[in-house]
C-alpha atoms as a PDB file:
ATOM      1  CA  UNK A   1     155.546  62.315  47.675  1.00  0.00           C
ATOM      2  CA  UNK A   2     154.628  65.460  45.854  1.00  0.00           C
ATOM      3  CA  UNK A   3     152.541  64.153  43.070  1.00  0.00           C
ATOM      4  CA  UNK A   4     150.263  61.244  42.809  1.00  0.00           C
ATOM      5  CA  UNK A   5     149.592  59.084  39.653  1.00  0.00           C
ATOM      6  CA  UNK A   6     147.463  56.281  38.303  1.00  0.00           C
ATOM      7  CA  UNK A   7     146.379  54.856  34.878  1.00  0.00           C
ATOM      8  CA  UNK A   8     142.794  55.975  34.014  1.00  0.00           C
ATOM      9  CA  UNK A   9     140.423  55.029  31.082  1.00  0.00           C
ATOM     10  CA  UNK A  10     139.903  57.540  28.331  1.00  0.00           C
ATOM     11  CA  UNK A  11     136.600  57.094  26.305  1.00  0.00           C
ATOM     12  CA  UNK A  12     136.564  57.323  22.631  1.00  0.00           C
ATOM     13  CA  UNK A  13     133.853  56.554  20.101  1.00  0.00           C
ATOM     14  CA  UNK A  14     132.232  53.812  22.302  1.00  0.00           C
ATOM     15  CA  UNK A  15     135.609  52.356  23.227  1.00  0.00           C
ATOM     16  CA  UNK A  16     138.284  53.368  25.647  1.00  0.00           C
ATOM     17  CA  UNK A  17     142.006  53.223  25.981  1.00  0.00           C
ATOM     18  CA  UNK A  18     144.347  54.126  28.872  1.00  0.00           C
ATOM     19  CA  UNK A  19     146.444  57.095  29.867  1.00  0.00           C
ATOM     20  CA  UNK A  20     149.024  57.803  32.705  1.00  0.00           C
ATOM     21  CA  UNK A  21     147.565  60.471  34.880  1.00  0.00           C
ATOM     22  CA  UNK A  22     149.766  62.524  37.328  1.00  0.00           C
ATOM     23  CA  UNK A  23     148.217  65.055  39.713  1.00  0.00           C
ATOM     24  CA  UNK A  24     150.038  67.836  41.559  1.00  0.00           C
ATOM     25  CA  UNK A  25     150.356  68.025  45.284  1.00  0.00           C
ATOM     26  CA  UNK A  26     147.524  70.556  45.242  1.00  0.00           C
ATOM     27  CA  UNK A  27     145.324  68.040  43.579  1.00  0.00           C
ATOM     28  CA  UNK A  28     144.192  70.488  40.864  1.00  0.00           C
ATOM     29  CA  UNK A  29     145.520  72.849  38.210  1.00  0.00           C
ATOM     30  CA  UNK A  30     145.584  73.570  34.469  1.00  0.00           C
ATOM     31  CA  UNK A  31     146.182  70.564  32.296  1.00  0.00           C
ATOM     32  CA  UNK A  32     148.732  69.203  29.935  1.00  0.00           C
ATOM     33  CA  UNK A  33     148.542  66.193  27.625  1.00  0.00           C
ATOM     34  CA  UNK A  34     152.038  64.551  27.315  1.00  0.00           C
ATOM     35  CA  UNK A  35     152.301  62.952  23.952  1.00  0.00           C
ATOM     36  CA  UNK A  36     154.706  60.030  23.723  1.00  0.00           C
ATOM     37  CA  UNK A  37     157.597  59.221  21.288  1.00  0.00           C
ATOM     38  CA  UNK A  38     157.400  55.985  19.392  1.00  0.00           C
ATOM     39  CA  UNK A  39     158.486  54.168  22.364  1.00  0.00           C
ATOM     40  CA  UNK A  40     155.236  54.145  24.262  1.00  0.00           C
ATOM     41  CA  UNK A  41     154.364  55.544  27.489  1.00  0.00           C
ATOM     42  CA  UNK A  42     157.574  54.275  28.918  1.00  0.00           C
ATOM     43  CA  UNK A  43     159.500  55.384  32.073  1.00  0.00           C
ATOM     44  CA  UNK A  44     160.664  58.556  30.481  1.00  0.00           C
ATOM     45  CA  UNK A  45     157.264  59.731  29.353  1.00  0.00           C
ATOM     46  CA  UNK A  46     155.902  58.963  32.820  1.00  0.00           C
ATOM     47  CA  UNK A  47     158.743  60.859  34.362  1.00  0.00           C
ATOM     48  CA  UNK A  48     157.906  63.992  32.132  1.00  0.00           C
ATOM     49  CA  UNK A  49     154.066  63.601  33.251  1.00  0.00           C
ATOM     50  CA  UNK A  50     155.312  63.581  36.893  1.00  0.00           C
ATOM     51  CA  UNK A  51     157.570  66.513  36.257  1.00  0.00           C
ATOM     52  CA  UNK A  52     154.725  68.658  34.829  1.00  0.00           C
ATOM     53  CA  UNK A  53     152.513  67.528  37.953  1.00  0.00           C
ATOM     54  CA  UNK A  54     155.382  68.799  40.113  1.00  0.00           C
ATOM     55  CA  UNK A  55     155.180  71.992  38.182  1.00  0.00           C
ATOM     56  CA  UNK A  56     151.370  72.209  39.117  1.00  0.00           C
ATOM     57  CA  UNK A  57     149.764  70.723  36.209  1.00  0.00           C
ATOM     58  CA  UNK A  58     147.403  67.891  35.809  1.00  0.00           C
ATOM     59  CA  UNK A  59     149.206  65.724  33.282  1.00  0.00           C
ATOM     60  CA  UNK A  60     147.957  62.937  31.210  1.00  0.00           C
ATOM     61  CA  UNK A  61     149.952  60.693  28.894  1.00  0.00           C
ATOM     62  CA  UNK A  62     147.687  58.786  26.560  1.00  0.00           C
ATOM     63  CA  UNK A  63     148.581  55.393  25.121  1.00  0.00           C
ATOM     64  CA  UNK A  64     148.374  56.331  21.473  1.00  0.00           C
ATOM     65  CA  UNK A  65     149.599  52.749  20.245  1.00  0.00           C
ATOM     66  CA  UNK A  66     146.785  51.172  21.904  1.00  0.00           C
ATOM     67  CA  UNK A  67     145.096  49.901  18.791  1.00  0.00           C
ATOM     68  CA  UNK A  68     148.283  48.142  17.824  1.00  0.00           C
ATOM     69  CA  UNK A  69     149.492  47.127  21.336  1.00  0.00           C
ATOM     70  CA  UNK A  70     148.295  48.478  24.615  1.00  0.00           C
ATOM     71  CA  UNK A  71     150.814  49.858  27.160  1.00  0.00           C
ATOM     72  CA  UNK A  72     153.808  49.548  24.939  1.00  0.00           C
ATOM     73  CA  UNK A  73     156.940  50.225  26.917  1.00  0.00           C
ATOM     74  CA  UNK A  74     160.117  50.321  24.911  1.00  0.00           C
ATOM     75  CA  UNK A  75     163.588  51.463  25.752  1.00  0.00           C
ATOM     76  CA  UNK A  76     166.212  53.129  23.469  1.00  0.00           C
ATOM     77  CA  UNK A  77     168.399  50.120  22.357  1.00  0.00           C
ATOM     78  CA  UNK A  78     168.690  48.644  18.767  1.00  0.00           C
ATOM     79  CA  UNK A  79     166.199  45.889  19.417  1.00  0.00           C
ATOM     80  CA  UNK A  80     163.496  48.149  21.138  1.00  0.00           C
ATOM     81  CA  UNK A  81     164.049  50.786  18.331  1.00  0.00           C
ATOM     82  CA  UNK A  82     163.360  48.184  15.710  1.00  0.00           C
ATOM     83  CA  UNK A  83     160.217  47.314  17.566  1.00  0.00           C
ATOM     84  CA  UNK A  84     159.202  50.899  17.724  1.00  0.00           C
ATOM     85  CA  UNK A  85     159.678  51.452  14.140  1.00  0.00           C
ATOM     86  CA  UNK A  86     157.613  48.355  13.408  1.00  0.00           C
ATOM     87  CA  UNK A  87     154.793  49.819  15.271  1.00  0.00           C
ATOM     88  CA  UNK A  88     155.198  53.249  13.532  1.00  0.00           C
ATOM     89  CA  UNK A  89     154.884  51.533  10.176  1.00  0.00           C
ATOM     90  CA  UNK A  90     151.321  50.164  11.198  1.00  0.00           C
ATOM     91  CA  UNK A  91     150.379  53.542  12.840  1.00  0.00           C
ATOM     92  CA  UNK A  92     147.363  55.581  11.890  1.00  0.00           C
ATOM     93  CA  UNK A  93     148.094  59.277  12.247  1.00  0.00           C
ATOM     94  CA  UNK A  94     144.339  60.259  12.020  1.00  0.00           C
ATOM     95  CA  UNK A  95     143.347  57.937  14.885  1.00  0.00           C
ATOM     96  CA  UNK A  96     146.180  59.123  17.021  1.00  0.00           C
ATOM     97  CA  UNK A  97     145.071  62.825  16.544  1.00  0.00           C
ATOM     98  CA  UNK A  98     141.535  61.797  17.535  1.00  0.00           C
ATOM     99  CA  UNK A  99     142.976  59.970  20.611  1.00  0.00           C
ATOM    100  CA  UNK A 100     144.830  63.210  21.644  1.00  0.00           C
ATOM    101  CA  UNK A 101     141.485  65.028  21.372  1.00  0.00           C
ATOM    102  CA  UNK A 102     139.907  62.275  23.473  1.00  0.00           C
ATOM    103  CA  UNK A 103     142.551  62.634  26.146  1.00  0.00           C
ATOM    104  CA  UNK A 104     142.081  66.421  26.054  1.00  0.00           C
ATOM    105  CA  UNK A 105     138.393  66.019  26.440  1.00  0.00           C
ATOM    106  CA  UNK A 106     138.785  63.533  29.323  1.00  0.00           C
ATOM    107  CA  UNK A 107     141.021  66.165  31.044  1.00  0.00           C
ATOM    108  CA  UNK A 108     138.356  68.860  30.497  1.00  0.00           C
ATOM    109  CA  UNK A 109     136.002  66.525  32.384  1.00  0.00           C
ATOM    110  CA  UNK A 110     138.058  66.155  35.308  1.00  0.00           C
ATOM    111  CA  UNK A 111     137.270  67.981  38.482  1.00  0.00           C
ATOM    112  CA  UNK A 112     140.932  68.384  39.210  1.00  0.00           C
ATOM    113  CA  UNK A 113     141.402  70.509  35.935  1.00  0.00           C
ATOM    114  CA  UNK A 114     140.693  74.194  36.648  1.00  0.00           C
ATOM    115  CA  UNK A 115     142.244  75.854  33.462  1.00  0.00           C
ATOM    116  CA  UNK A 116     143.131  75.449  29.964  1.00  0.00           C
ATOM    117  CA  UNK A 117     144.338  72.159  28.322  1.00  0.00           C
ATOM    118  CA  UNK A 118     147.810  72.178  26.678  1.00  0.00           C
ATOM    119  CA  UNK A 119     149.691  69.504  24.982  1.00  0.00           C
ATOM    120  CA  UNK A 120     153.491  68.839  25.023  1.00  0.00           C
ATOM    121  CA  UNK A 121     154.770  66.259  22.539  1.00  0.00           C
ATOM    122  CA  UNK A 122     158.054  64.759  21.602  1.00  0.00           C
ATOM    123  CA  UNK A 123     159.225  63.368  18.236  1.00  0.00           C
ATOM    124  CA  UNK A 124     156.106  61.721  16.956  1.00  0.00           C
ATOM    125  CA  UNK A 125     154.298  63.437  19.844  1.00  0.00           C
ATOM    126  CA  UNK A 126     155.425  66.762  18.699  1.00  0.00           C
ATOM    127  CA  UNK A 127     153.951  66.148  15.345  1.00  0.00           C
ATOM    128  CA  UNK A 128     150.656  64.962  17.013  1.00  0.00           C
ATOM    129  CA  UNK A 129     150.530  68.222  19.266  1.00  0.00           C
ATOM    130  CA  UNK A 130     150.665  70.317  16.047  1.00  0.00           C
ATOM    131  CA  UNK A 131     147.935  68.431  14.144  1.00  0.00           C
ATOM    132  CA  UNK A 132     145.914  68.239  17.263  1.00  0.00           C
ATOM    133  CA  UNK A 133     146.075  71.948  17.669  1.00  0.00           C
ATOM    134  CA  UNK A 134     145.069  72.440  13.932  1.00  0.00           C
ATOM    135  CA  UNK A 135     141.967  70.238  14.779  1.00  0.00           C
ATOM    136  CA  UNK A 136     141.009  72.621  17.499  1.00  0.00           C
ATOM    137  CA  UNK A 137     141.424  70.006  20.372  1.00  0.00           C
ATOM    138  CA  UNK A 138     143.858  72.187  22.425  1.00  0.00           C
ATOM    139  CA  UNK A 139     144.288  75.553  23.977  1.00  0.00           C
ATOM    140  CA  UNK A 140     148.098  75.612  23.663  1.00  0.00           C
ATOM    141  CA  UNK A 141     150.623  73.178  21.898  1.00  0.00           C
ATOM    142  CA  UNK A 142     154.285  72.647  22.302  1.00  0.00           C
ATOM    143  CA  UNK A 143     156.281  70.401  19.973  1.00  0.00           C
ATOM    144  CA  UNK A 144     159.646  68.968  20.680  1.00  0.00           C
ATOM    145  CA  UNK A 145     161.607  68.020  17.544  1.00  0.00           C
ATOM    146  CA  UNK A 146     158.317  67.068  15.823  1.00  0.00           C
ATOM    147  CA  UNK A 147     159.348  65.139  12.592  1.00  0.00           C
ATOM    148  CA  UNK A 148     157.241  65.599   9.625  1.00  0.00           C
ATOM    149  CA  UNK A 149     155.593  68.937  10.649  1.00  0.00           C
ATOM    150  CA  UNK A 150     157.196  70.639   7.641  1.00  0.00           C
ATOM    151  CA  UNK A 151     155.417  68.231   5.217  1.00  0.00           C
ATOM    152  CA  UNK A 152     152.034  69.052   6.716  1.00  0.00           C
ATOM    153  CA  UNK A 153     152.357  72.748   6.627  1.00  0.00           C
ATOM    154  CA  UNK A 154     148.835  72.900   4.779  1.00  0.00           C
ATOM    155  CA  UNK A 155     147.435  72.532   8.331  1.00  0.00           C
ATOM    156  CA  UNK A 156     149.161  75.654   9.660  1.00  0.00           C
ATOM    157  CA  UNK A 157     146.180  78.000   9.017  1.00  0.00           C
ATOM    158  CA  UNK A 158     143.981  75.864  11.185  1.00  0.00           C
ATOM    159  CA  UNK A 159     146.270  76.413  14.026  1.00  0.00           C
ATOM    160  CA  UNK A 160     144.465  79.215  15.995  1.00  0.00           C
ATOM    161  CA  UNK A 161     146.185  78.726  19.469  1.00  0.00           C
ATOM    162  CA  UNK A 162     149.702  79.711  20.723  1.00  0.00           C
ATOM    163  CA  UNK A 163     152.234  77.099  19.635  1.00  0.00           C
ATOM    164  CA  UNK A 164     155.907  76.588  20.558  1.00  0.00           C
ATOM    165  CA  UNK A 165     158.411  74.688  18.610  1.00  0.00           C
ATOM    166  CA  UNK A 166     161.812  73.184  19.896  1.00  0.00           C
ATOM    167  CA  UNK A 167     164.343  71.953  17.267  1.00  0.00           C
ATOM    168  CA  UNK A 168     167.758  70.507  17.654  1.00  0.00           C
ATOM    169  CA  UNK A 169     170.494  71.984  15.445  1.00  0.00           C
ATOM    170  CA  UNK A 170     172.081  68.462  14.673  1.00  0.00           C
ATOM    171  CA  UNK A 171     168.835  66.504  14.087  1.00  0.00           C
ATOM    172  CA  UNK A 172     169.439  64.500  11.023  1.00  0.00           C
ATOM    173  CA  UNK A 173     165.756  63.666  11.028  1.00  0.00           C
ATOM    174  CA  UNK A 174     164.797  67.246  10.667  1.00  0.00           C
ATOM    175  CA  UNK A 175     167.187  69.226   8.480  1.00  0.00           C
ATOM    176  CA  UNK A 176     167.534  73.025   8.742  1.00  0.00           C
ATOM    177  CA  UNK A 177     165.467  73.845   5.695  1.00  0.00           C
ATOM    178  CA  UNK A 178     162.648  71.942   7.307  1.00  0.00           C
ATOM    179  CA  UNK A 179     162.832  74.069  10.414  1.00  0.00           C
ATOM    180  CA  UNK A 180     163.160  77.176   8.275  1.00  0.00           C
ATOM    181  CA  UNK A 181     159.986  76.130   6.463  1.00  0.00           C
ATOM    182  CA  UNK A 182     158.009  75.882   9.687  1.00  0.00           C
ATOM    183  CA  UNK A 183     159.583  79.169  10.918  1.00  0.00           C
ATOM    184  CA  UNK A 184     158.510  80.993   7.865  1.00  0.00           C
ATOM    185  CA  UNK A 185     155.081  79.577   7.822  1.00  0.00           C
ATOM    186  CA  UNK A 186     154.377  80.748  11.366  1.00  0.00           C
ATOM    187  CA  UNK A 187     155.861  84.029  11.074  1.00  0.00           C
ATOM    188  CA  UNK A 188     153.376  86.647  12.313  1.00  0.00           C
ATOM    189  CA  UNK A 189     151.149  84.012  14.189  1.00  0.00           C
ATOM    190  CA  UNK A 190     151.152  83.369  17.980  1.00  0.00           C
ATOM    191  CA  UNK A 191     154.136  81.146  17.660  1.00  0.00           C
ATOM    192  CA  UNK A 192     157.638  80.804  18.922  1.00  0.00           C
ATOM    193  CA  UNK A 193     160.438  78.553  17.626  1.00  0.00           C
ATOM    194  CA  UNK A 194     163.693  77.850  19.255  1.00  0.00           C
ATOM    195  CA  UNK A 195     166.848  76.098  17.819  1.00  0.00           C
ATOM    196  CA  UNK A 196     169.343  74.510  20.070  1.00  0.00           C
ATOM    197  CA  UNK A 197     173.001  74.642  18.964  1.00  0.00           C
ATOM    198  CA  UNK A 198     174.902  71.546  19.675  1.00  0.00           C
ATOM    199  CA  UNK A 199     171.864  69.348  20.489  1.00  0.00           C
ATOM    200  CA  UNK A 200     170.607  66.362  18.574  1.00  0.00           C
ATOM    201  CA  UNK A 201     167.227  64.618  18.332  1.00  0.00           C
ATOM    202  CA  UNK A 202     165.848  63.430  21.581  1.00  0.00           C
ATOM    203  CA  UNK A 203     167.834  65.900  23.535  1.00  0.00           C
ATOM    204  CA  UNK A 204     165.169  65.923  26.377  1.00  0.00           C
ATOM    205  CA  UNK A 205     165.516  62.357  27.084  1.00  0.00           C
ATOM    206  CA  UNK A 206     167.816  61.374  29.898  1.00  0.00           C
ATOM    207  CA  UNK A 207     167.746  57.562  28.738  1.00  0.00           C
ATOM    208  CA  UNK A 208     169.108  58.473  25.402  1.00  0.00           C
ATOM    209  CA  UNK A 209     172.797  58.993  24.382  1.00  0.00           C
ATOM    210  CA  UNK A 210     171.672  62.316  22.846  1.00  0.00           C
ATOM    211  CA  UNK A 211     170.577  63.758  26.124  1.00  0.00           C
ATOM    212  CA  UNK A 212     171.706  67.431  26.351  1.00  0.00           C
ATOM    213  CA  UNK A 213     171.329  68.882  29.810  1.00  0.00           C
ATOM    214  CA  UNK A 214     171.584  72.293  28.746  1.00  0.00           C
ATOM    215  CA  UNK A 215     169.093  72.274  25.980  1.00  0.00           C
ATOM    216  CA  UNK A 216     166.742  70.006  28.011  1.00  0.00           C
ATOM    217  CA  UNK A 217     166.768  72.583  30.922  1.00  0.00           C
ATOM    218  CA  UNK A 218     166.437  75.590  28.650  1.00  0.00           C
ATOM    219  CA  UNK A 219     163.628  74.121  26.602  1.00  0.00           C
ATOM    220  CA  UNK A 220     161.647  73.081  29.740  1.00  0.00           C
ATOM    221  CA  UNK A 221     162.026  76.457  31.205  1.00  0.00           C
ATOM    222  CA  UNK A 222     160.808  78.038  27.972  1.00  0.00           C
ATOM    223  CA  UNK A 223     157.974  75.739  27.854  1.00  0.00           C
ATOM    224  CA  UNK A 224     156.865  76.564  31.422  1.00  0.00           C
ATOM    225  CA  UNK A 225     157.055  80.270  30.627  1.00  0.00           C
ATOM    226  CA  UNK A 226     155.191  79.834  27.377  1.00  0.00           C
ATOM    227  CA  UNK A 227     152.310  77.771  29.183  1.00  0.00           C
ATOM    228  CA  UNK A 228     152.322  80.230  32.101  1.00  0.00           C
ATOM    229  CA  UNK A 229     151.948  83.321  29.667  1.00  0.00           C
ATOM    230  CA  UNK A 230     149.087  81.698  27.662  1.00  0.00           C
ATOM    231  CA  UNK A 231     147.044  79.787  30.427  1.00  0.00           C
END
């Protein structure tokens, strides 16, 4: 076993919620918050946390749906997607940004964390990585196919940390003009943006029909390089 994992409590405003923590074999390293999709801290998100731990990071995936239903774990079939959309409809974005900040703060307080705190978010989590960077909660941010970022570009000037965007060319949820708007808004900033030809929304997830091995591997390599260069 190269990594170890457990659920931990994350304090926030007199309350607490849980997150899935994965530690590297060395037991210490820089940190990364892994921010879930709308399907909860499911097996896919936990596998990503384990992957980053294997890469030498202390990885924490906070349960950002905890106010609605703690420890949601959904798959990608039609029934679970409907449940996920129902949760999303009740979701408070500002609370979630605060929760990502609480997760980052919890990581900074862990003796195992020896470097900066980044965030890597997927779909909804990509948007939260961007907004959390704008709130000053992170040292580095990475957004995979973050829907809605182009509608909140008024926050871009607040992003004063390195940020990386991954977008899928065939993503019907995020049209090309939305990606263009993000790219133009971050021109000249400490930002990188990549588009993946032939890839669709969710291309990083092996449990989805849209999984694209080439795009997933390329994006992960670029993310590790980005984190390594800025840590």
